[in-house]
Amino acid sequence: MIDIHSHLLYDIDDGPKTLRDTIELCEYGLEQDIEATVLTPHLTKPERVDSLISKRDRHVEALREELDRIGIDMLIYTGAEVFVNDDIFYAKKLEKAAINNGRYILVEFDVSSLSIKRLISYLNEIFDMGLLPIVAHPERYKYFQNDYAILNYLVDMDVLFQVNAGSVARFGKREEFELAYQMVLNNAATFIATDAHSLDARPNDLLRMVRHFPPDIKRESLDFMLYEAPAAVINNEKIPRIPRRPITAKKRFFR
């Protein structure tokens, strides 16, 4: 599997503090059938892109050297998780934060107080930059939880979505599970990832979480979201289309 959203890189955001911590997470990821990890540290302001990428790349070089030295076969790719607000209209060089120096970029927004009109303007601005936005953990957003039709509209705009595996596994709030489940069941999501931060807080235990997914999620959908679509992003290729259905706010038993 390929984990397209993680905060495993040390001493750069709210993830692990030391290189040893990152190594341990890579070792654990391999045990969880993760063969490749995209490191996506938080970029909170576009004007900080140069400093973040410079620090990220230095730490990634040290990480790869250490992984090679001790024989850990985790493939490492780079990106960032970009917080988008009105600063996006003045952003320069944001392509530096794209995944593996391609066109796909992981983004997040204010989870509660953003108007839909503003959200769409942000996404259109990213498209106009020649980038393809992947919205991280949409199941957390209050306005999506309250109106699934917004997500259907954005899917029709070719906006891509990454849901957290923990949400689909019912490890979070009920509203987050209900939305994440509907998105995966109906192929409105394109990716499932860990959003891992540490072994203690939100680990990259992807295989364990997949085993807790509702049984009616099709294997073909999981293969697509956990391998095929992430591989296309890493290779900067067009993501193949799979049949999608509009999501609805049908409730499901939560345990």
C-alpha atoms as a PDB file:
ATOM      1  CA  MET A   1       0.000   0.000   0.000  1.00  0.00           C
ATOM      2  CA  ILE A   2       1.017   3.628  -0.497  1.00  0.00           C
ATOM      3  CA  ASP A   3       0.402   6.155   2.270  1.00  0.00           C
ATOM      4  CA  ILE A   4      -0.108   9.462   0.505  1.00  0.00           C
ATOM      5  CA  HIS A   5      -0.592  11.636   3.624  1.00  0.00           C
ATOM      6  CA  SER A   6       1.725  11.419   6.623  1.00  0.00           C
ATOM      7  CA  HIS A   7       3.588  13.539   9.150  1.00  0.00           C
ATOM      8  CA  LEU A   8       6.405  11.079   9.729  1.00  0.00           C
ATOM      9  CA  LEU A   9       9.295  13.447   9.050  1.00  0.00           C
ATOM     10  CA  TYR A  10      11.121  14.473  12.194  1.00  0.00           C
ATOM     11  CA  ASP A  11      11.510  17.949  13.688  1.00  0.00           C
ATOM     12  CA  ILE A  12       9.471  19.830  11.106  1.00  0.00           C
ATOM     13  CA  ASP A  13       5.866  20.032  12.317  1.00  0.00           C
ATOM     14  CA  ASP A  14       3.716  18.265  14.921  1.00  0.00           C
ATOM     15  CA  GLY A  15       5.060  14.838  13.989  1.00  0.00           C
ATOM     16  CA  PRO A  16       8.054  12.953  15.437  1.00  0.00           C
ATOM     17  CA  LYS A  17      10.893  14.859  17.056  1.00  0.00           C
ATOM     18  CA  THR A  18      13.931  12.773  16.147  1.00  0.00           C
ATOM     19  CA  LEU A  19      15.297  10.831  13.203  1.00  0.00           C
ATOM     20  CA  ARG A  20      15.108   7.675  15.329  1.00  0.00           C
ATOM     21  CA  ASP A  21      11.374   8.272  15.809  1.00  0.00           C
ATOM     22  CA  THR A  22      10.894   8.543  12.049  1.00  0.00           C
ATOM     23  CA  ILE A  23      12.899   5.366  11.474  1.00  0.00           C
ATOM     24  CA  GLU A  24      10.684   3.490  13.928  1.00  0.00           C
ATOM     25  CA  LEU A  25       7.585   4.719  12.098  1.00  0.00           C
ATOM     26  CA  CYS A  26       9.030   3.534   8.786  1.00  0.00           C
ATOM     27  CA  GLU A  27       9.766   0.122  10.303  1.00  0.00           C
ATOM     28  CA  TYR A  28       6.231  -0.072  11.658  1.00  0.00           C
ATOM     29  CA  GLY A  29       4.793   1.030   8.331  1.00  0.00           C
ATOM     30  CA  LEU A  30       6.485  -1.877   6.585  1.00  0.00           C
ATOM     31  CA  GLU A  31       4.929  -4.227   9.148  1.00  0.00           C
ATOM     32  CA  GLN A  32       1.582  -2.686   8.183  1.00  0.00           C
ATOM     33  CA  ASP A  33       2.098  -3.460   4.462  1.00  0.00           C
ATOM     34  CA  ILE A  34       2.987   0.147   3.584  1.00  0.00           C
ATOM     35  CA  GLU A  35       5.629   0.009   0.887  1.00  0.00           C
ATOM     36  CA  ALA A  36       5.826   3.738   0.141  1.00  0.00           C
ATOM     37  CA  THR A  37       5.157   6.852   2.208  1.00  0.00           C
ATOM     38  CA  VAL A  38       4.639  10.432   1.079  1.00  0.00           C
ATOM     39  CA  LEU A  39       5.932  12.862   3.696  1.00  0.00           C
ATOM     40  CA  THR A  40       3.556  15.844   3.837  1.00  0.00           C
ATOM     41  CA  PRO A  41       4.594  18.289   6.585  1.00  0.00           C
ATOM     42  CA  HIS A  42       2.279  21.202   7.295  1.00  0.00           C
ATOM     43  CA  LEU A  43       2.740  24.360   5.239  1.00  0.00           C
ATOM     44  CA  THR A  44       0.684  26.933   7.127  1.00  0.00           C
ATOM     45  CA  LYS A  45       1.545  29.980   5.011  1.00  0.00           C
ATOM     46  CA  PRO A  46       2.463  30.016   1.305  1.00  0.00           C
ATOM     47  CA  GLU A  47       5.258  32.546   1.858  1.00  0.00           C
ATOM     48  CA  ARG A  48       7.065  29.947   3.972  1.00  0.00           C
ATOM     49  CA  VAL A  49       7.267  27.437   1.141  1.00  0.00           C
ATOM     50  CA  ASP A  50      10.984  27.944   0.461  1.00  0.00           C
ATOM     51  CA  SER A  51      12.053  27.547   4.081  1.00  0.00           C
ATOM     52  CA  LEU A  52       9.804  24.528   4.644  1.00  0.00           C
ATOM     53  CA  ILE A  53      10.924  22.733   1.494  1.00  0.00           C
ATOM     54  CA  SER A  54      14.577  23.436   2.238  1.00  0.00           C
ATOM     55  CA  LYS A  55      14.306  21.967   5.737  1.00  0.00           C
ATOM     56  CA  ARG A  56      12.153  19.075   4.511  1.00  0.00           C
ATOM     57  CA  ASP A  57      14.636  18.100   1.838  1.00  0.00           C
ATOM     58  CA  ARG A  58      17.590  18.195   4.252  1.00  0.00           C
ATOM     59  CA  HIS A  59      15.773  15.903   6.654  1.00  0.00           C
ATOM     60  CA  VAL A  60      14.608  13.601   3.866  1.00  0.00           C
ATOM     61  CA  GLU A  61      18.188  13.214   2.647  1.00  0.00           C
ATOM     62  CA  ALA A  62      19.306  12.236   6.152  1.00  0.00           C
ATOM     63  CA  LEU A  63      16.346   9.862   6.471  1.00  0.00           C
ATOM     64  CA  ARG A  64      17.020   8.108   3.178  1.00  0.00           C
ATOM     65  CA  GLU A  65      20.693   7.701   4.052  1.00  0.00           C
ATOM     66  CA  GLU A  66      19.815   6.135   7.398  1.00  0.00           C
ATOM     67  CA  LEU A  67      17.145   3.864   5.895  1.00  0.00           C
ATOM     68  CA  ASP A  68      19.666   2.667   3.331  1.00  0.00           C
ATOM     69  CA  ARG A  69      22.358   2.168   5.975  1.00  0.00           C
ATOM     70  CA  ILE A  70      20.209  -0.081   8.162  1.00  0.00           C
ATOM     71  CA  GLY A  71      18.431  -1.821   5.299  1.00  0.00           C
ATOM     72  CA  ILE A  72      14.851  -0.582   5.645  1.00  0.00           C
ATOM     73  CA  ASP A  73      13.121  -0.750   2.260  1.00  0.00           C
ATOM     74  CA  MET A  74      10.519   1.979   2.727  1.00  0.00           C
ATOM     75  CA  LEU A  75      10.181   4.160  -0.359  1.00  0.00           C
ATOM     76  CA  ILE A  76      10.066   7.839   0.587  1.00  0.00           C
ATOM     77  CA  TYR A  77       8.447  10.611  -1.446  1.00  0.00           C
ATOM     78  CA  THR A  78       7.932  14.271  -0.634  1.00  0.00           C
ATOM     79  CA  GLY A  79       5.085  16.755  -0.587  1.00  0.00           C
ATOM     80  CA  ALA A  80       3.366  19.029   1.926  1.00  0.00           C
ATOM     81  CA  GLU A  81      -0.055  19.573   3.420  1.00  0.00           C
ATOM     82  CA  VAL A  82      -0.919  23.146   2.490  1.00  0.00           C
ATOM     83  CA  PHE A  83      -3.352  25.144   4.608  1.00  0.00           C
ATOM     84  CA  VAL A  84      -5.334  27.294   2.176  1.00  0.00           C
ATOM     85  CA  ASN A  85      -6.953  30.627   2.986  1.00  0.00           C
ATOM     86  CA  ASP A  86      -7.023  34.029   1.271  1.00  0.00           C
ATOM     87  CA  ASP A  87      -3.230  33.933   1.045  1.00  0.00           C
ATOM     88  CA  ILE A  88      -3.678  31.547  -1.873  1.00  0.00           C
ATOM     89  CA  PHE A  89      -4.521  34.511  -4.114  1.00  0.00           C
ATOM     90  CA  TYR A  90      -1.009  35.906  -3.590  1.00  0.00           C
ATOM     91  CA  ALA A  91       0.891  32.624  -3.395  1.00  0.00           C
ATOM     92  CA  LYS A  92       4.001  32.091  -5.472  1.00  0.00           C
ATOM     93  CA  LYS A  93       6.007  28.926  -6.083  1.00  0.00           C
ATOM     94  CA  LEU A  94       3.342  26.746  -4.496  1.00  0.00           C
ATOM     95  CA  GLU A  95       4.243  24.024  -6.987  1.00  0.00           C
ATOM     96  CA  LYS A  96       7.271  23.342  -4.780  1.00  0.00           C
ATOM     97  CA  ALA A  97       4.876  21.774  -2.281  1.00  0.00           C
ATOM     98  CA  ALA A  98       3.387  19.357  -4.826  1.00  0.00           C
ATOM     99  CA  ILE A  99       3.794  15.627  -4.334  1.00  0.00           C
ATOM    100  CA  ASN A 100       7.021  14.248  -5.813  1.00  0.00           C
ATOM    101  CA  ASN A 101       7.503  17.457  -7.834  1.00  0.00           C
ATOM    102  CA  GLY A 102       4.423  16.711  -9.919  1.00  0.00           C
ATOM    103  CA  ARG A 103       1.056  18.447 -10.323  1.00  0.00           C
ATOM    104  CA  TYR A 104      -0.870  16.965  -7.400  1.00  0.00           C
ATOM    105  CA  ILE A 105      -0.950  18.961  -4.177  1.00  0.00           C
ATOM    106  CA  LEU A 106      -2.425  18.039  -0.788  1.00  0.00           C
ATOM    107  CA  VAL A 107      -4.500  20.854   0.729  1.00  0.00           C
ATOM    108  CA  GLU A 108      -6.661  21.539   3.757  1.00  0.00           C
ATOM    109  CA  PHE A 109      -9.005  24.356   4.765  1.00  0.00           C
ATOM    110  CA  ASP A 110     -10.707  25.818   7.798  1.00  0.00           C
ATOM    111  CA  VAL A 111     -12.934  23.011   9.008  1.00  0.00           C
ATOM    112  CA  SER A 112     -15.893  25.017  10.293  1.00  0.00           C
ATOM    113  CA  SER A 113     -16.292  28.627   9.171  1.00  0.00           C
ATOM    114  CA  LEU A 114     -15.523  28.731   5.457  1.00  0.00           C
ATOM    115  CA  SER A 115     -18.229  29.646   2.968  1.00  0.00           C
ATOM    116  CA  ILE A 116     -18.715  27.283   0.063  1.00  0.00           C
ATOM    117  CA  LYS A 117     -18.309  30.134  -2.408  1.00  0.00           C
ATOM    118  CA  ARG A 118     -14.931  30.934  -0.883  1.00  0.00           C
ATOM    119  CA  LEU A 119     -13.904  27.286  -0.880  1.00  0.00           C
ATOM    120  CA  ILE A 120     -14.671  26.972  -4.580  1.00  0.00           C
ATOM    121  CA  SER A 121     -12.711  30.150  -5.324  1.00  0.00           C
ATOM    122  CA  TYR A 122      -9.694  28.680  -3.510  1.00  0.00           C
ATOM    123  CA  LEU A 123      -9.920  25.446  -5.481  1.00  0.00           C
ATOM    124  CA  ASN A 124     -10.265  27.294  -8.785  1.00  0.00           C
ATOM    125  CA  GLU A 125      -7.179  29.347  -7.920  1.00  0.00           C
ATOM    126  CA  ILE A 126      -5.220  26.137  -7.369  1.00  0.00           C
ATOM    127  CA  PHE A 127      -6.456  24.732 -10.690  1.00  0.00           C
ATOM    128  CA  ASP A 128      -5.408  27.991 -12.385  1.00  0.00           C
ATOM    129  CA  MET A 129      -1.868  27.431 -11.078  1.00  0.00           C
ATOM    130  CA  GLY A 130      -1.770  24.209 -13.084  1.00  0.00           C
ATOM    131  CA  LEU A 131      -2.021  22.116  -9.918  1.00  0.00           C
ATOM    132  CA  LEU A 132      -4.500  19.375  -9.041  1.00  0.00           C
ATOM    133  CA  PRO A 133      -5.844  19.709  -5.490  1.00  0.00           C
ATOM    134  CA  ILE A 134      -6.273  16.719  -3.192  1.00  0.00           C
ATOM    135  CA  VAL A 135      -8.428  17.752  -0.240  1.00  0.00           C
ATOM    136  CA  ALA A 136      -7.226  16.064   2.946  1.00  0.00           C
ATOM    137  CA  HIS A 137      -9.657  14.448   5.414  1.00  0.00           C
ATOM    138  CA  PRO A 138     -12.912  16.007   4.081  1.00  0.00           C
ATOM    139  CA  GLU A 139     -14.877  13.991   6.651  1.00  0.00           C
ATOM    140  CA  ARG A 140     -13.720  16.457   9.340  1.00  0.00           C
ATOM    141  CA  TYR A 141     -15.295  19.495   7.696  1.00  0.00           C
ATOM    142  CA  LYS A 142     -18.517  20.623   9.330  1.00  0.00           C
ATOM    143  CA  TYR A 143     -19.988  22.063   6.133  1.00  0.00           C
ATOM    144  CA  PHE A 144     -19.431  18.758   4.316  1.00  0.00           C
ATOM    145  CA  GLN A 145     -20.951  16.804   7.201  1.00  0.00           C
ATOM    146  CA  ASN A 146     -24.018  19.057   7.053  1.00  0.00           C
ATOM    147  CA  ASP A 147     -24.497  18.926   3.286  1.00  0.00           C
ATOM    148  CA  TYR A 148     -23.162  16.002   1.267  1.00  0.00           C
ATOM    149  CA  ALA A 149     -24.367  17.695  -1.924  1.00  0.00           C
ATOM    150  CA  ILE A 150     -21.406  20.066  -1.703  1.00  0.00           C
ATOM    151  CA  LEU A 151     -19.040  17.130  -2.020  1.00  0.00           C
ATOM    152  CA  ASN A 152     -20.930  15.763  -4.991  1.00  0.00           C
ATOM    153  CA  TYR A 153     -20.552  19.151  -6.682  1.00  0.00           C
ATOM    154  CA  LEU A 154     -16.812  19.263  -5.983  1.00  0.00           C
ATOM    155  CA  VAL A 155     -16.313  15.697  -7.250  1.00  0.00           C
ATOM    156  CA  ASP A 156     -17.954  16.814 -10.499  1.00  0.00           C
ATOM    157  CA  MET A 157     -15.368  19.632 -10.584  1.00  0.00           C
ATOM    158  CA  ASP A 158     -12.665  16.927 -10.569  1.00  0.00           C
ATOM    159  CA  VAL A 159     -11.547  17.821  -7.058  1.00  0.00           C
ATOM    160  CA  LEU A 160      -9.821  14.829  -5.465  1.00  0.00           C
ATOM    161  CA  PHE A 161     -10.380  13.712  -1.874  1.00  0.00           C
ATOM    162  CA  GLN A 162      -8.285  11.772   0.634  1.00  0.00           C
ATOM    163  CA  VAL A 163     -10.094  10.303   3.628  1.00  0.00           C
ATOM    164  CA  ASN A 164      -8.324   9.134   6.762  1.00  0.00           C
ATOM    165  CA  ALA A 165      -8.224   5.389   7.328  1.00  0.00           C
ATOM    166  CA  GLY A 166      -9.017   5.911  11.004  1.00  0.00           C
ATOM    167  CA  SER A 167     -12.291   7.573  10.084  1.00  0.00           C
ATOM    168  CA  VAL A 168     -13.368   4.657   7.883  1.00  0.00           C
ATOM    169  CA  ALA A 169     -12.363   2.254  10.670  1.00  0.00           C
ATOM    170  CA  ARG A 170     -14.681   4.051  13.126  1.00  0.00           C
ATOM    171  CA  PHE A 171     -11.769   5.278  15.261  1.00  0.00           C
ATOM    172  CA  GLY A 172     -13.038   8.869  15.264  1.00  0.00           C
ATOM    173  CA  LYS A 173     -16.283  10.745  15.621  1.00  0.00           C
ATOM    174  CA  ARG A 174     -19.563   9.362  14.306  1.00  0.00           C
ATOM    175  CA  GLU A 175     -20.061  12.176  11.788  1.00  0.00           C
ATOM    176  CA  GLU A 176     -16.565  11.590  10.422  1.00  0.00           C
ATOM    177  CA  PHE A 177     -17.174   7.868   9.985  1.00  0.00           C
ATOM    178  CA  GLU A 178     -20.543   8.359   8.297  1.00  0.00           C
ATOM    179  CA  LEU A 179     -19.132  10.753   5.700  1.00  0.00           C
ATOM    180  CA  ALA A 180     -15.868   8.868   5.120  1.00  0.00           C
ATOM    181  CA  TYR A 181     -17.763   5.593   4.768  1.00  0.00           C
ATOM    182  CA  GLN A 182     -20.149   7.053   2.180  1.00  0.00           C
ATOM    183  CA  MET A 183     -17.260   8.565   0.220  1.00  0.00           C
ATOM    184  CA  VAL A 184     -15.343   5.287   0.067  1.00  0.00           C
ATOM    185  CA  LEU A 185     -18.418   3.133  -0.566  1.00  0.00           C
ATOM    186  CA  ASN A 186     -19.470   5.303  -3.515  1.00  0.00           C
ATOM    187  CA  ASN A 187     -15.948   5.993  -4.835  1.00  0.00           C
ATOM    188  CA  ALA A 188     -16.263   9.719  -4.166  1.00  0.00           C
ATOM    189  CA  ALA A 189     -12.915   9.462  -2.350  1.00  0.00           C
ATOM    190  CA  THR A 190      -9.809   8.858  -4.425  1.00  0.00           C
ATOM    191  CA  PHE A 191      -7.356   8.045  -1.637  1.00  0.00           C
ATOM    192  CA  ILE A 192      -7.268   6.523   1.826  1.00  0.00           C
ATOM    193  CA  ALA A 193      -4.270   7.457   3.968  1.00  0.00           C
ATOM    194  CA  THR A 194      -3.123   7.465   7.589  1.00  0.00           C
ATOM    195  CA  ASP A 195      -2.367  11.138   8.319  1.00  0.00           C
ATOM    196  CA  ALA A 196       0.026   9.540  10.835  1.00  0.00           C
ATOM    197  CA  HIS A 197       1.923  11.661  13.377  1.00  0.00           C
ATOM    198  CA  SER A 198       3.571   9.266  15.823  1.00  0.00           C
ATOM    199  CA  LEU A 199       3.460   5.725  17.171  1.00  0.00           C
ATOM    200  CA  ASP A 200       1.498   6.980  20.173  1.00  0.00           C
ATOM    201  CA  ALA A 201      -0.833   9.506  18.536  1.00  0.00           C
ATOM    202  CA  ARG A 202      -2.357   8.479  15.211  1.00  0.00           C
ATOM    203  CA  PRO A 203       0.186   5.843  14.084  1.00  0.00           C
ATOM    204  CA  ASN A 204       0.591   4.532  10.555  1.00  0.00           C
ATOM    205  CA  ASP A 205      -1.198   1.269  11.391  1.00  0.00           C
ATOM    206  CA  LEU A 206      -2.874   1.085   8.006  1.00  0.00           C
ATOM    207  CA  LEU A 207      -3.345  -2.679   7.789  1.00  0.00           C
ATOM    208  CA  ARG A 208      -4.952  -2.783  11.238  1.00  0.00           C
ATOM    209  CA  MET A 209      -7.352  -0.011  10.254  1.00  0.00           C
ATOM    210  CA  VAL A 210      -8.267  -1.658   6.946  1.00  0.00           C
ATOM    211  CA  ARG A 211      -9.250  -4.777   8.881  1.00  0.00           C
ATOM    212  CA  HIS A 212     -11.783  -2.631  10.775  1.00  0.00           C
ATOM    213  CA  PHE A 213     -13.395  -1.205   7.622  1.00  0.00           C
ATOM    214  CA  PRO A 214     -17.065  -2.051   6.990  1.00  0.00           C
ATOM    215  CA  PRO A 215     -17.229  -5.334   5.059  1.00  0.00           C
ATOM    216  CA  ASP A 216     -19.372  -3.956   2.222  1.00  0.00           C
ATOM    217  CA  ILE A 217     -16.535  -1.765   0.921  1.00  0.00           C
ATOM    218  CA  LYS A 218     -15.343  -3.491  -2.234  1.00  0.00           C
ATOM    219  CA  ARG A 219     -11.803  -4.805  -2.576  1.00  0.00           C
ATOM    220  CA  GLU A 220     -11.541  -3.085  -5.964  1.00  0.00           C
ATOM    221  CA  SER A 221     -12.201   0.287  -4.335  1.00  0.00           C
ATOM    222  CA  LEU A 222      -9.574  -0.341  -1.675  1.00  0.00           C
ATOM    223  CA  ASP A 223      -6.987  -1.368  -4.269  1.00  0.00           C
ATOM    224  CA  PHE A 224      -7.724   1.807  -6.180  1.00  0.00           C
ATOM    225  CA  MET A 225      -7.538   4.158  -3.172  1.00  0.00           C
ATOM    226  CA  LEU A 226      -4.597   2.502  -1.429  1.00  0.00           C
ATOM    227  CA  TYR A 227      -2.396   1.714  -4.403  1.00  0.00           C
ATOM    228  CA  GLU A 228      -3.506   2.573  -7.935  1.00  0.00           C
ATOM    229  CA  ALA A 229      -4.474   6.225  -7.421  1.00  0.00           C
ATOM    230  CA  PRO A 230      -1.521   7.027  -5.100  1.00  0.00           C
ATOM    231  CA  ALA A 231       0.871   5.402  -7.583  1.00  0.00           C
ATOM    232  CA  ALA A 232      -0.517   7.606 -10.361  1.00  0.00           C
ATOM    233  CA  VAL A 233       0.083  10.688  -8.204  1.00  0.00           C
ATOM    234  CA  ILE A 234       3.662   9.702  -7.408  1.00  0.00           C
ATOM    235  CA  ASN A 235       4.313   9.123 -11.111  1.00  0.00           C
ATOM    236  CA  ASN A 236       2.513  12.371 -12.028  1.00  0.00           C
ATOM    237  CA  GLU A 237       0.118  10.438 -14.235  1.00  0.00           C
ATOM    238  CA  LYS A 238      -3.569  10.837 -14.882  1.00  0.00           C
ATOM    239  CA  ILE A 239      -5.611   8.975 -12.301  1.00  0.00           C
ATOM    240  CA  PRO A 240      -7.850   6.361 -13.938  1.00  0.00           C
ATOM    241  CA  ARG A 241     -11.559   6.882 -13.472  1.00  0.00           C
ATOM    242  CA  ILE A 242     -13.710   4.357 -11.665  1.00  0.00           C
ATOM    243  CA  PRO A 243     -17.520   4.329 -11.478  1.00  0.00           C
ATOM    244  CA  ARG A 244     -18.798   6.802  -8.879  1.00  0.00           C
ATOM    245  CA  ARG A 245     -22.179   7.374  -7.335  1.00  0.00           C
ATOM    246  CA  PRO A 246     -23.489  10.480  -5.585  1.00  0.00           C
ATOM    247  CA  ILE A 247     -23.149  10.211  -1.834  1.00  0.00           C
ATOM    248  CA  THR A 248     -26.155  10.635   0.403  1.00  0.00           C
ATOM    249  CA  ALA A 249     -26.557  11.309   4.099  1.00  0.00           C
ATOM    250  CA  LYS A 250     -27.935   7.868   4.818  1.00  0.00           C
ATOM    251  CA  LYS A 251     -27.027   7.019   8.391  1.00  0.00           C
ATOM    252  CA  ARG A 252     -25.320   3.823   9.404  1.00  0.00           C
ATOM    253  CA  PHE A 253     -25.035   1.986  12.687  1.00  0.00           C
ATOM    254  CA  PHE A 254     -21.969   3.209  14.573  1.00  0.00           C
ATOM    255  CA  ARG A 255     -20.259   1.019  17.094  1.00  0.00           C
END
